[in-house]
Every structure is written in C-alpha cells, then in structure tokens.
Amino acid sequence: LFTIDQRPYRAALARAEADLERARSEALLTKSQNTRAQTLIEAKAISR
C-alpha cells in the first residue's frame, strides 16, 4: 500500500552485513589461536 524511502535502510543493512563479515573473520582468527593454544598448553609451551 505504501513505500517509505528505502535508501537509508539499505545503507544500514549494508553496514550491518559488513560488520558481520568482520566479526566472522575475527572469530575465525581467535578460534585458530585458541586451537593452537590448546596444543601448546599440553606441551607446557605457554603459560596458563
């Protein structure tokens, strides 16, 4: 029935999607670091 100007909301959606990609990338990095830390702690190569 009605259409409200969508441009500001399309931009907000694009920004939120970009933030999601960055968060996923950071999560992937920290997950990899946590996996290595698990191996190192067993070898007593890093501190608790």
ModelCIF file with pLDDT and N, C-alpha, C, O atoms, coordinates in Angstrom:
data_MODEL
#
_entry.id   MODEL 
#
_entity.id                         1 
_entity.type                       polymer 
_entity.pdbx_number_of_molecules   1 
#
_entity_poly.entity_id                      1 
_entity_poly.type                           'polypeptide(L)' 
_entity_poly.nstd_linkage                   no 
_entity_poly.nstd_monomer                   no 
_entity_poly.pdbx_seq_one_letter_code       LFTIDQRPYRAALARAEADLERARSEALLTKSQNTRAQTLIEAKAISR 
_entity_poly.pdbx_seq_one_letter_code_can   LFTIDQRPYRAALARAEADLERARSEALLTKSQNTRAQTLIEAKAISR 
_entity_poly.pdbx_strand_id                 A 
#
loop_
_entity_poly_seq.entity_id 
_entity_poly_seq.num 
_entity_poly_seq.mon_id 
_entity_poly_seq.hetero 
1 1  LEU n 
1 2  PHE n 
1 3  THR n 
1 4  ILE n 
1 5  ASP n 
1 6  GLN n 
1 7  ARG n 
1 8  PRO n 
1 9  TYR n 
1 10 ARG n 
1 11 ALA n 
1 12 ALA n 
1 13 LEU n 
1 14 ALA n 
1 15 ARG n 
1 16 ALA n 
1 17 GLU n 
1 18 ALA n 
1 19 ASP n 
1 20 LEU n 
1 21 GLU n 
1 22 ARG n 
1 23 ALA n 
1 24 ARG n 
1 25 SER n 
1 26 GLU n 
1 27 ALA n 
1 28 LEU n 
1 29 LEU n 
1 30 THR n 
1 31 LYS n 
1 32 SER n 
1 33 GLN n 
1 34 ASN n 
1 35 THR n 
1 36 ARG n 
1 37 ALA n 
1 38 GLN n 
1 39 THR n 
1 40 LEU n 
1 41 ILE n 
1 42 GLU n 
1 43 ALA n 
1 44 LYS n 
1 45 ALA n 
1 46 ILE n 
1 47 SER n 
1 48 ARG n 
#
_struct_asym.id          A 
_struct_asym.entity_id   1 
#
loop_
_ma_qa_metric.id 
_ma_qa_metric.mode 
_ma_qa_metric.name 
_ma_qa_metric.software_group_id 
_ma_qa_metric.type 
1 global pLDDT . pLDDT 
2 local  pLDDT . pLDDT 
#
_ma_qa_metric_global.metric_id      1 
_ma_qa_metric_global.metric_value   86.65 
_ma_qa_metric_global.model_id       1 
_ma_qa_metric_global.ordinal_id     1 
#
loop_
_ma_qa_metric_local.label_asym_id 
_ma_qa_metric_local.label_comp_id 
_ma_qa_metric_local.label_seq_id 
_ma_qa_metric_local.metric_id 
_ma_qa_metric_local.metric_value 
_ma_qa_metric_local.model_id 
_ma_qa_metric_local.ordinal_id 
A LEU 1  2 96.00 1 1  
A PHE 2  2 96.00 1 2  
A THR 3  2 96.00 1 3  
A ILE 4  2 96.00 1 4  
A ASP 5  2 95.00 1 5  
A GLN 6  2 94.00 1 6  
A ARG 7  2 95.00 1 7  
A PRO 8  2 94.00 1 8  
A TYR 9  2 95.00 1 9  
A ARG 10 2 95.00 1 10 
A ALA 11 2 95.00 1 11 
A ALA 12 2 95.00 1 12 
A LEU 13 2 95.00 1 13 
A ALA 14 2 95.00 1 14 
A ARG 15 2 94.00 1 15 
A ALA 16 2 94.00 1 16 
A GLU 17 2 93.00 1 17 
A ALA 18 2 94.00 1 18 
A ASP 19 2 91.00 1 19 
A LEU 20 2 92.00 1 20 
A GLU 21 2 91.00 1 21 
A ARG 22 2 90.00 1 22 
A ALA 23 2 89.00 1 23 
A ARG 24 2 88.00 1 24 
A SER 25 2 87.00 1 25 
A GLU 26 2 87.00 1 26 
A ALA 27 2 84.00 1 27 
A LEU 28 2 86.00 1 28 
A LEU 29 2 83.00 1 29 
A THR 30 2 85.00 1 30 
A LYS 31 2 82.00 1 31 
A SER 32 2 80.00 1 32 
A GLN 33 2 80.00 1 33 
A ASN 34 2 76.00 1 34 
A THR 35 2 79.00 1 35 
A ARG 36 2 77.00 1 36 
A ALA 37 2 77.00 1 37 
A GLN 38 2 78.00 1 38 
A THR 39 2 78.00 1 39 
A LEU 40 2 79.00 1 40 
A ILE 41 2 75.00 1 41 
A GLU 42 2 76.00 1 42 
A ALA 43 2 73.00 1 43 
A LYS 44 2 75.00 1 44 
A ALA 45 2 76.00 1 45 
A ILE 46 2 77.00 1 46 
A SER 47 2 81.00 1 47 
A ARG 48 2 80.00 1 48 
#
loop_
_atom_site.group_PDB 
_atom_site.id 
_atom_site.type_symbol 
_atom_site.label_atom_id 
_atom_site.label_alt_id 
_atom_site.label_comp_id 
_atom_site.label_asym_id 
_atom_site.label_entity_id 
_atom_site.label_seq_id 
_atom_site.pdbx_PDB_ins_code 
_atom_site.Cartn_x 
_atom_site.Cartn_y 
_atom_site.Cartn_z 
_atom_site.occupancy 
_atom_site.B_iso_or_equiv 
_atom_site.pdbx_formal_charge 
_atom_site.auth_seq_id 
_atom_site.auth_comp_id 
_atom_site.auth_asym_id 
_atom_site.auth_atom_id 
_atom_site.pdbx_PDB_model_num 
ATOM 1   N N  . LEU A 1 1  ? 0.811  -1.213  0.000  1.00 96.00 ? 1  LEU A N  1 
ATOM 2   C CA . LEU A 1 1  ? 0.000  0.000   0.000  1.00 96.00 ? 1  LEU A CA 1 
ATOM 3   C C  . LEU A 1 1  ? 0.849  1.270   0.000  1.00 96.00 ? 1  LEU A C  1 
ATOM 4   O O  . LEU A 1 1  ? 0.543  2.216   -0.726 1.00 96.00 ? 1  LEU A O  1 
ATOM 5   N N  . PHE A 1 2  ? 1.907  1.301   0.803  1.00 96.00 ? 2  PHE A N  1 
ATOM 6   C CA . PHE A 1 2  ? 2.778  2.479   0.897  1.00 96.00 ? 2  PHE A CA 1 
ATOM 7   C C  . PHE A 1 2  ? 4.226  2.026   0.836  1.00 96.00 ? 2  PHE A C  1 
ATOM 8   O O  . PHE A 1 2  ? 4.567  0.934   1.290  1.00 96.00 ? 2  PHE A O  1 
ATOM 9   N N  . THR A 1 3  ? 5.079  2.878   0.268  1.00 96.00 ? 3  THR A N  1 
ATOM 10  C CA . THR A 1 3  ? 6.526  2.642   0.261  1.00 96.00 ? 3  THR A CA 1 
ATOM 11  C C  . THR A 1 3  ? 7.211  3.854   0.867  1.00 96.00 ? 3  THR A C  1 
ATOM 12  O O  . THR A 1 3  ? 7.037  4.981   0.403  1.00 96.00 ? 3  THR A O  1 
ATOM 13  N N  . ILE A 1 4  ? 8.003  3.605   1.924  1.00 96.00 ? 4  ILE A N  1 
ATOM 14  C CA . ILE A 1 4  ? 8.805  4.653   2.556  1.00 96.00 ? 4  ILE A CA 1 
ATOM 15  C C  . ILE A 1 4  ? 10.204 4.621   1.945  1.00 96.00 ? 4  ILE A C  1 
ATOM 16  O O  . ILE A 1 4  ? 10.687 3.553   1.569  1.00 96.00 ? 4  ILE A O  1 
ATOM 17  N N  . ASP A 1 5  ? 10.853 5.766   1.841  1.00 95.00 ? 5  ASP A N  1 
ATOM 18  C CA . ASP A 1 5  ? 12.183 5.880   1.234  1.00 95.00 ? 5  ASP A CA 1 
ATOM 19  C C  . ASP A 1 5  ? 13.110 4.816   1.817  1.00 95.00 ? 5  ASP A C  1 
ATOM 20  O O  . ASP A 1 5  ? 13.374 4.801   3.020  1.00 95.00 ? 5  ASP A O  1 
ATOM 21  N N  . GLN A 1 6  ? 13.598 3.934   0.959  1.00 94.00 ? 6  GLN A N  1 
ATOM 22  C CA . GLN A 1 6  ? 14.372 2.777   1.411  1.00 94.00 ? 6  GLN A CA 1 
ATOM 23  C C  . GLN A 1 6  ? 15.876 3.022   1.467  1.00 94.00 ? 6  GLN A C  1 
ATOM 24  O O  . GLN A 1 6  ? 16.595 2.208   2.047  1.00 94.00 ? 6  GLN A O  1 
ATOM 25  N N  . ARG A 1 7  ? 16.370 4.092   0.898  1.00 95.00 ? 7  ARG A N  1 
ATOM 26  C CA . ARG A 1 7  ? 17.820 4.278   0.776  1.00 95.00 ? 7  ARG A CA 1 
ATOM 27  C C  . ARG A 1 7  ? 18.544 4.274   2.122  1.00 95.00 ? 7  ARG A C  1 
ATOM 28  O O  . ARG A 1 7  ? 19.570 3.602   2.236  1.00 95.00 ? 7  ARG A O  1 
ATOM 29  N N  . PRO A 1 8  ? 18.066 4.989   3.150  1.00 94.00 ? 8  PRO A N  1 
ATOM 30  C CA . PRO A 1 8  ? 18.788 4.928   4.431  1.00 94.00 ? 8  PRO A CA 1 
ATOM 31  C C  . PRO A 1 8  ? 18.815 3.510   5.022  1.00 94.00 ? 8  PRO A C  1 
ATOM 32  O O  . PRO A 1 8  ? 19.793 3.126   5.663  1.00 94.00 ? 8  PRO A O  1 
ATOM 33  N N  . TYR A 1 9  ? 17.774 2.754   4.812  1.00 95.00 ? 9  TYR A N  1 
ATOM 34  C CA . TYR A 1 9  ? 17.700 1.418   5.399  1.00 95.00 ? 9  TYR A CA 1 
ATOM 35  C C  . TYR A 1 9  ? 18.512 0.401   4.593  1.00 95.00 ? 9  TYR A C  1 
ATOM 36  O O  . TYR A 1 9  ? 19.021 -0.574  5.148  1.00 95.00 ? 9  TYR A O  1 
ATOM 37  N N  . ARG A 1 10 ? 18.629 0.630   3.302  1.00 95.00 ? 10 ARG A N  1 
ATOM 38  C CA . ARG A 1 10 ? 19.542 -0.221  2.519  1.00 95.00 ? 10 ARG A CA 1 
ATOM 39  C C  . ARG A 1 10 ? 20.986 -0.001  2.952  1.00 95.00 ? 10 ARG A C  1 
ATOM 40  O O  . ARG A 1 10 ? 21.766 -0.948  3.051  1.00 95.00 ? 10 ARG A O  1 
ATOM 41  N N  . ALA A 1 11 ? 21.336 1.258   3.210  1.00 95.00 ? 11 ALA A N  1 
ATOM 42  C CA . ALA A 1 11 ? 22.693 1.559   3.679  1.00 95.00 ? 11 ALA A CA 1 
ATOM 43  C C  . ALA A 1 11 ? 22.941 0.951   5.051  1.00 95.00 ? 11 ALA A C  1 
ATOM 44  O O  . ALA A 1 11 ? 24.019 0.418   5.315  1.00 95.00 ? 11 ALA A O  1 
ATOM 45  N N  . ALA A 1 12 ? 21.939 1.032   5.926  1.00 95.00 ? 12 ALA A N  1 
ATOM 46  C CA . ALA A 1 12 ? 22.098 0.439   7.259  1.00 95.00 ? 12 ALA A CA 1 
ATOM 47  C C  . ALA A 1 12 ? 22.257 -1.068  7.167  1.00 95.00 ? 12 ALA A C  1 
ATOM 48  O O  . ALA A 1 12 ? 23.032 -1.652  7.924  1.00 95.00 ? 12 ALA A O  1 
ATOM 49  N N  . LEU A 1 13 ? 21.535 -1.711  6.250  1.00 95.00 ? 13 LEU A N  1 
ATOM 50  C CA . LEU A 1 13 ? 21.677 -3.151  6.072  1.00 95.00 ? 13 LEU A CA 1 
ATOM 51  C C  . LEU A 1 13 ? 23.064 -3.502  5.547  1.00 95.00 ? 13 LEU A C  1 
ATOM 52  O O  . LEU A 1 13 ? 23.665 -4.482  5.988  1.00 95.00 ? 13 LEU A O  1 
ATOM 53  N N  . ALA A 1 14 ? 23.573 -2.709  4.608  1.00 95.00 ? 14 ALA A N  1 
ATOM 54  C CA . ALA A 1 14 ? 24.916 -2.970  4.077  1.00 95.00 ? 14 ALA A CA 1 
ATOM 55  C C  . ALA A 1 14 ? 25.968 -2.824  5.175  1.00 95.00 ? 14 ALA A C  1 
ATOM 56  O O  . ALA A 1 14 ? 26.904 -3.621  5.244  1.00 95.00 ? 14 ALA A O  1 
ATOM 57  N N  . ARG A 1 15 ? 25.823 -1.832  6.016  1.00 94.00 ? 15 ARG A N  1 
ATOM 58  C CA . ARG A 1 15 ? 26.770 -1.644  7.109  1.00 94.00 ? 15 ARG A CA 1 
ATOM 59  C C  . ARG A 1 15 ? 26.700 -2.797  8.098  1.00 94.00 ? 15 ARG A C  1 
ATOM 60  O O  . ARG A 1 15 ? 27.734 -3.262  8.578  1.00 94.00 ? 15 ARG A O  1 
ATOM 61  N N  . ALA A 1 16 ? 25.516 -3.257  8.404  1.00 94.00 ? 16 ALA A N  1 
ATOM 62  C CA . ALA A 1 16 ? 25.376 -4.382  9.320  1.00 94.00 ? 16 ALA A CA 1 
ATOM 63  C C  . ALA A 1 16 ? 25.966 -5.654  8.727  1.00 94.00 ? 16 ALA A C  1 
ATOM 64  O O  . ALA A 1 16 ? 26.573 -6.443  9.452  1.00 94.00 ? 16 ALA A O  1 
ATOM 65  N N  . GLU A 1 17 ? 25.803 -5.869  7.440  1.00 93.00 ? 17 GLU A N  1 
ATOM 66  C CA . GLU A 1 17 ? 26.388 -7.044  6.798  1.00 93.00 ? 17 GLU A CA 1 
ATOM 67  C C  . GLU A 1 17 ? 27.905 -6.976  6.801  1.00 93.00 ? 17 GLU A C  1 
ATOM 68  O O  . GLU A 1 17 ? 28.575 -7.996  6.962  1.00 93.00 ? 17 GLU A O  1 
ATOM 69  N N  . ALA A 1 18 ? 28.453 -5.771  6.624  1.00 94.00 ? 18 ALA A N  1 
ATOM 70  C CA . ALA A 1 18 ? 29.910 -5.619  6.688  1.00 94.00 ? 18 ALA A CA 1 
ATOM 71  C C  . ALA A 1 18 ? 30.430 -5.917  8.102  1.00 94.00 ? 18 ALA A C  1 
ATOM 72  O O  . ALA A 1 18 ? 31.451 -6.582  8.284  1.00 94.00 ? 18 ALA A O  1 
ATOM 73  N N  . ASP A 1 19 ? 29.699 -5.407  9.084  1.00 91.00 ? 19 ASP A N  1 
ATOM 74  C CA . ASP A 1 19 ? 30.100 -5.705  10.470 1.00 91.00 ? 19 ASP A CA 1 
ATOM 75  C C  . ASP A 1 19 ? 30.057 -7.207  10.750 1.00 91.00 ? 19 ASP A C  1 
ATOM 76  O O  . ASP A 1 19 ? 30.888 -7.734  11.489 1.00 91.00 ? 19 ASP A O  1 
ATOM 77  N N  . LEU A 1 20 ? 29.092 -7.878  10.159 1.00 92.00 ? 20 LEU A N  1 
ATOM 78  C CA . LEU A 1 20 ? 29.001 -9.315  10.349 1.00 92.00 ? 20 LEU A CA 1 
ATOM 79  C C  . LEU A 1 20 ? 30.185 -10.029 9.725  1.00 92.00 ? 20 LEU A C  1 
ATOM 80  O O  . LEU A 1 20 ? 30.713 -10.969 10.319 1.00 92.00 ? 20 LEU A O  1 
ATOM 81  N N  . GLU A 1 21 ? 30.614 -9.613  8.552  1.00 91.00 ? 21 GLU A N  1 
ATOM 82  C CA . GLU A 1 21 ? 31.779 -10.228 7.907  1.00 91.00 ? 21 GLU A CA 1 
ATOM 83  C C  . GLU A 1 21 ? 33.033 -10.018 8.748  1.00 91.00 ? 21 GLU A C  1 
ATOM 84  O O  . GLU A 1 21 ? 33.835 -10.939 8.907  1.00 91.00 ? 21 GLU A O  1 
ATOM 85  N N  . ARG A 1 22 ? 33.206 -8.822  9.286  1.00 90.00 ? 22 ARG A N  1 
ATOM 86  C CA . ARG A 1 22 ? 34.382 -8.557  10.118 1.00 90.00 ? 22 ARG A CA 1 
ATOM 87  C C  . ARG A 1 22 ? 34.354 -9.414  11.377 1.00 90.00 ? 22 ARG A C  1 
ATOM 88  O O  . ARG A 1 22 ? 35.378 -9.956  11.794 1.00 90.00 ? 22 ARG A O  1 
ATOM 89  N N  . ALA A 1 23 ? 33.173 -9.530  11.979 1.00 89.00 ? 23 ALA A N  1 
ATOM 90  C CA . ALA A 1 23 ? 33.060 -10.336 13.196 1.00 89.00 ? 23 ALA A CA 1 
ATOM 91  C C  . ALA A 1 23 ? 33.363 -11.799 12.905 1.00 89.00 ? 23 ALA A C  1 
ATOM 92  O O  . ALA A 1 23 ? 34.009 -12.468 13.712 1.00 89.00 ? 23 ALA A O  1 
ATOM 93  N N  . ARG A 1 24 ? 32.914 -12.291 11.785 1.00 88.00 ? 24 ARG A N  1 
ATOM 94  C CA . ARG A 1 24 ? 33.196 -13.680 11.431 1.00 88.00 ? 24 ARG A CA 1 
ATOM 95  C C  . ARG A 1 24 ? 34.687 -13.899 11.168 1.00 88.00 ? 24 ARG A C  1 
ATOM 96  O O  . ARG A 1 24 ? 35.248 -14.931 11.537 1.00 88.00 ? 24 ARG A O  1 
ATOM 97  N N  . SER A 1 25 ? 35.312 -12.928 10.533 1.00 87.00 ? 25 SER A N  1 
ATOM 98  C CA . SER A 1 25 ? 36.750 -13.049 10.277 1.00 87.00 ? 25 SER A CA 1 
ATOM 99  C C  . SER A 1 25 ? 37.538 -13.066 11.589 1.00 87.00 ? 25 SER A C  1 
ATOM 100 O O  . SER A 1 25 ? 38.451 -13.871 11.769 1.00 87.00 ? 25 SER A O  1 
ATOM 101 N N  . GLU A 1 26 ? 37.170 -12.170 12.492 1.00 87.00 ? 26 GLU A N  1 
ATOM 102 C CA . GLU A 1 26 ? 37.851 -12.143 13.785 1.00 87.00 ? 26 GLU A CA 1 
ATOM 103 C C  . GLU A 1 26 ? 37.584 -13.430 14.573 1.00 87.00 ? 26 GLU A C  1 
ATOM 104 O O  . GLU A 1 26 ? 38.459 -13.940 15.272 1.00 87.00 ? 26 GLU A O  1 
ATOM 105 N N  . ALA A 1 27 ? 36.374 -13.934 14.446 1.00 84.00 ? 27 ALA A N  1 
ATOM 106 C CA . ALA A 1 27 ? 36.057 -15.179 15.148 1.00 84.00 ? 27 ALA A CA 1 
ATOM 107 C C  . ALA A 1 27 ? 36.869 -16.333 14.598 1.00 84.00 ? 27 ALA A C  1 
ATOM 108 O O  . ALA A 1 27 ? 37.300 -17.207 15.349 1.00 84.00 ? 27 ALA A O  1 
ATOM 109 N N  . LEU A 1 28 ? 37.078 -16.342 13.297 1.00 86.00 ? 28 LEU A N  1 
ATOM 110 C CA . LEU A 1 28 ? 37.887 -17.404 12.702 1.00 86.00 ? 28 LEU A CA 1 
ATOM 111 C C  . LEU A 1 28 ? 39.323 -17.347 13.207 1.00 86.00 ? 28 LEU A C  1 
ATOM 112 O O  . LEU A 1 28 ? 39.923 -18.380 13.505 1.00 86.00 ? 28 LEU A O  1 
ATOM 113 N N  . LEU A 1 29 ? 39.877 -16.132 13.304 1.00 83.00 ? 29 LEU A N  1 
ATOM 114 C CA . LEU A 1 29 ? 41.243 -15.968 13.790 1.00 83.00 ? 29 LEU A CA 1 
ATOM 115 C C  . LEU A 1 29 ? 41.366 -16.405 15.250 1.00 83.00 ? 29 LEU A C  1 
ATOM 116 O O  . LEU A 1 29 ? 42.273 -17.164 15.593 1.00 83.00 ? 29 LEU A O  1 
ATOM 117 N N  . THR A 1 30 ? 40.487 -15.947 16.088 1.00 85.00 ? 30 THR A N  1 
ATOM 118 C CA . THR A 1 30 ? 40.582 -16.295 17.513 1.00 85.00 ? 30 THR A CA 1 
ATOM 119 C C  . THR A 1 30 ? 40.348 -17.793 17.744 1.00 85.00 ? 30 THR A C  1 
ATOM 120 O O  . THR A 1 30 ? 40.913 -18.387 18.661 1.00 85.00 ? 30 THR A O  1 
ATOM 121 N N  . LYS A 1 31 ? 39.505 -18.389 16.895 1.00 82.00 ? 31 LYS A N  1 
ATOM 122 C CA . LYS A 1 31 ? 39.288 -19.834 17.028 1.00 82.00 ? 31 LYS A CA 1 
ATOM 123 C C  . LYS A 1 31 ? 40.562 -20.600 16.699 1.00 82.00 ? 31 LYS A C  1 
ATOM 124 O O  . LYS A 1 31 ? 40.900 -21.574 17.373 1.00 82.00 ? 31 LYS A O  1 
ATOM 125 N N  . SER A 1 32 ? 41.276 -20.152 15.648 1.00 80.00 ? 32 SER A N  1 
ATOM 126 C CA . SER A 1 32 ? 42.537 -20.798 15.277 1.00 80.00 ? 32 SER A CA 1 
ATOM 127 C C  . SER A 1 32 ? 43.581 -20.627 16.384 1.00 80.00 ? 32 SER A C  1 
ATOM 128 O O  . SER A 1 32 ? 44.305 -21.566 16.716 1.00 80.00 ? 32 SER A O  1 
ATOM 129 N N  . GLN A 1 33 ? 43.650 -19.423 16.949 1.00 80.00 ? 33 GLN A N  1 
ATOM 130 C CA . GLN A 1 33 ? 44.605 -19.175 18.030 1.00 80.00 ? 33 GLN A CA 1 
ATOM 131 C C  . GLN A 1 33 ? 44.272 -20.022 19.256 1.00 80.00 ? 33 GLN A C  1 
ATOM 132 O O  . GLN A 1 33 ? 45.167 -20.510 19.947 1.00 80.00 ? 33 GLN A O  1 
ATOM 133 N N  . ASN A 1 34 ? 42.995 -20.188 19.515 1.00 76.00 ? 34 ASN A N  1 
ATOM 134 C CA . ASN A 1 34 ? 42.602 -20.997 20.670 1.00 76.00 ? 34 ASN A CA 1 
ATOM 135 C C  . ASN A 1 34 ? 42.962 -22.464 20.461 1.00 76.00 ? 34 ASN A C  1 
ATOM 136 O O  . ASN A 1 34 ? 43.330 -23.163 21.405 1.00 76.00 ? 34 ASN A O  1 
ATOM 137 N N  . THR A 1 35 ? 42.850 -22.926 19.205 1.00 79.00 ? 35 THR A N  1 
ATOM 138 C CA . THR A 1 35 ? 43.217 -24.322 18.918 1.00 79.00 ? 35 THR A CA 1 
ATOM 139 C C  . THR A 1 35 ? 44.711 -24.540 19.143 1.00 79.00 ? 35 THR A C  1 
ATOM 140 O O  . THR A 1 35 ? 45.109 -25.535 19.749 1.00 79.00 ? 35 THR A O  1 
ATOM 141 N N  . ARG A 1 36 ? 45.534 -23.619 18.659 1.00 77.00 ? 36 ARG A N  1 
ATOM 142 C CA . ARG A 1 36 ? 46.981 -23.749 18.865 1.00 77.00 ? 36 ARG A CA 1 
ATOM 143 C C  . ARG A 1 36 ? 47.339 -23.656 20.350 1.00 77.00 ? 36 ARG A C  1 
ATOM 144 O O  . ARG A 1 36 ? 48.226 -24.357 20.835 1.00 77.00 ? 36 ARG A O  1 
ATOM 145 N N  . ALA A 1 37 ? 46.633 -22.781 21.054 1.00 77.00 ? 37 ALA A N  1 
ATOM 146 C CA . ALA A 1 37 ? 46.933 -22.640 22.479 1.00 77.00 ? 37 ALA A CA 1 
ATOM 147 C C  . ALA A 1 37 ? 46.627 -23.927 23.229 1.00 77.00 ? 37 ALA A C  1 
ATOM 148 O O  . ALA A 1 37 ? 47.290 -24.238 24.219 1.00 77.00 ? 37 ALA A O  1 
ATOM 149 N N  . GLN A 1 38 ? 45.644 -24.670 22.776 1.00 78.00 ? 38 GLN A N  1 
ATOM 150 C CA . GLN A 1 38 ? 45.321 -25.948 23.409 1.00 78.00 ? 38 GLN A CA 1 
ATOM 151 C C  . GLN A 1 38 ? 46.488 -26.937 23.274 1.00 78.00 ? 38 GLN A C  1 
ATOM 152 O O  . GLN A 1 38 ? 46.815 -27.673 24.205 1.00 78.00 ? 38 GLN A O  1 
ATOM 153 N N  . THR A 1 39 ? 47.101 -26.926 22.084 1.00 78.00 ? 39 THR A N  1 
ATOM 154 C CA . THR A 1 39 ? 48.247 -27.812 21.860 1.00 78.00 ? 39 THR A CA 1 
ATOM 155 C C  . THR A 1 39 ? 49.454 -27.361 22.686 1.00 78.00 ? 39 THR A C  1 
ATOM 156 O O  . THR A 1 39 ? 50.171 -28.183 23.256 1.00 78.00 ? 39 THR A O  1 
ATOM 157 N N  . LEU A 1 40 ? 49.667 -26.047 22.741 1.00 79.00 ? 40 LEU A N  1 
ATOM 158 C CA . LEU A 1 40 ? 50.830 -25.520 23.461 1.00 79.00 ? 40 LEU A CA 1 
ATOM 159 C C  . LEU A 1 40 ? 50.716 -25.708 24.969 1.00 79.00 ? 40 LEU A C  1 
ATOM 160 O O  . LEU A 1 40 ? 51.710 -25.948 25.654 1.00 79.00 ? 40 LEU A O  1 
ATOM 161 N N  . ILE A 1 41 ? 49.496 -25.595 25.473 1.00 75.00 ? 41 ILE A N  1 
ATOM 162 C CA . ILE A 1 41 ? 49.354 -25.740 26.924 1.00 75.00 ? 41 ILE A CA 1 
ATOM 163 C C  . ILE A 1 41 ? 49.632 -27.162 27.348 1.00 75.00 ? 41 ILE A C  1 
ATOM 164 O O  . ILE A 1 41 ? 50.113 -27.415 28.453 1.00 75.00 ? 41 ILE A O  1 
ATOM 165 N N  . GLU A 1 42 ? 49.315 -28.117 26.431 1.00 76.00 ? 42 GLU A N  1 
ATOM 166 C CA . GLU A 1 42 ? 49.597 -29.510 26.757 1.00 76.00 ? 42 GLU A CA 1 
ATOM 167 C C  . GLU A 1 42 ? 51.115 -29.776 26.766 1.00 76.00 ? 42 GLU A C  1 
ATOM 168 O O  . GLU A 1 42 ? 51.623 -30.606 27.519 1.00 76.00 ? 42 GLU A O  1 
ATOM 169 N N  . ALA A 1 43 ? 51.815 -29.023 25.882 1.00 73.00 ? 43 ALA A N  1 
ATOM 170 C CA . ALA A 1 43 ? 53.291 -29.179 25.846 1.00 73.00 ? 43 ALA A CA 1 
ATOM 171 C C  . ALA A 1 43 ? 53.986 -28.259 26.846 1.00 73.00 ? 43 ALA A C  1 
ATOM 172 O O  . ALA A 1 43 ? 55.213 -28.233 26.943 1.00 73.00 ? 43 ALA A O  1 
ATOM 173 N N  . LYS A 1 44 ? 53.170 -27.503 27.590 1.00 75.00 ? 44 LYS A N  1 
ATOM 174 C CA . LYS A 1 44 ? 53.688 -26.556 28.576 1.00 75.00 ? 44 LYS A CA 1 
ATOM 175 C C  . LYS A 1 44 ? 54.605 -25.521 27.935 1.00 75.00 ? 44 LYS A C  1 
ATOM 176 O O  . LYS A 1 44 ? 55.614 -25.102 28.501 1.00 75.00 ? 44 LYS A O  1 
ATOM 177 N N  . ALA A 1 45 ? 54.181 -25.105 26.654 1.00 76.00 ? 45 ALA A N  1 
ATOM 178 C CA . ALA A 1 45 ? 54.974 -24.108 25.940 1.00 76.00 ? 45 ALA A CA 1 
ATOM 179 C C  . ALA A 1 45 ? 54.478 -22.700 26.213 1.00 76.00 ? 45 ALA A C  1 
ATOM 180 O O  . ALA A 1 45 ? 55.202 -21.734 25.975 1.00 76.00 ? 45 ALA A O  1 
ATOM 181 N N  . ILE A 1 46 ? 53.231 -22.563 26.719 1.00 77.00 ? 46 ILE A N  1 
ATOM 182 C CA . ILE A 1 46 ? 52.709 -21.233 27.077 1.00 77.00 ? 46 ILE A CA 1 
ATOM 183 C C  . ILE A 1 46 ? 52.177 -21.308 28.496 1.00 77.00 ? 46 ILE A C  1 
ATOM 184 O O  . ILE A 1 46 ? 51.945 -22.376 29.062 1.00 77.00 ? 46 ILE A O  1 
ATOM 185 N N  . SER A 1 47 ? 52.001 -20.129 29.027 1.00 81.00 ? 47 SER A N  1 
ATOM 186 C CA . SER A 1 47 ? 51.511 -20.070 30.406 1.00 81.00 ? 47 SER A CA 1 
ATOM 187 C C  . SER A 1 47 ? 49.990 -20.302 30.434 1.00 81.00 ? 47 SER A C  1 
ATOM 188 O O  . SER A 1 47 ? 49.277 -20.166 29.439 1.00 81.00 ? 47 SER A O  1 
ATOM 189 N N  . ARG A 1 48 ? 49.567 -20.649 31.602 1.00 80.00 ? 48 ARG A N  1 
ATOM 190 C CA . ARG A 1 48 ? 48.131 -20.867 31.770 1.00 80.00 ? 48 ARG A CA 1 
ATOM 191 C C  . ARG A 1 48 ? 47.341 -19.569 31.548 1.00 80.00 ? 48 ARG A C  1 
ATOM 192 O O  . ARG A 1 48 ? 46.114 -19.567 31.650 1.00 80.00 ? 48 ARG A O  1 
#
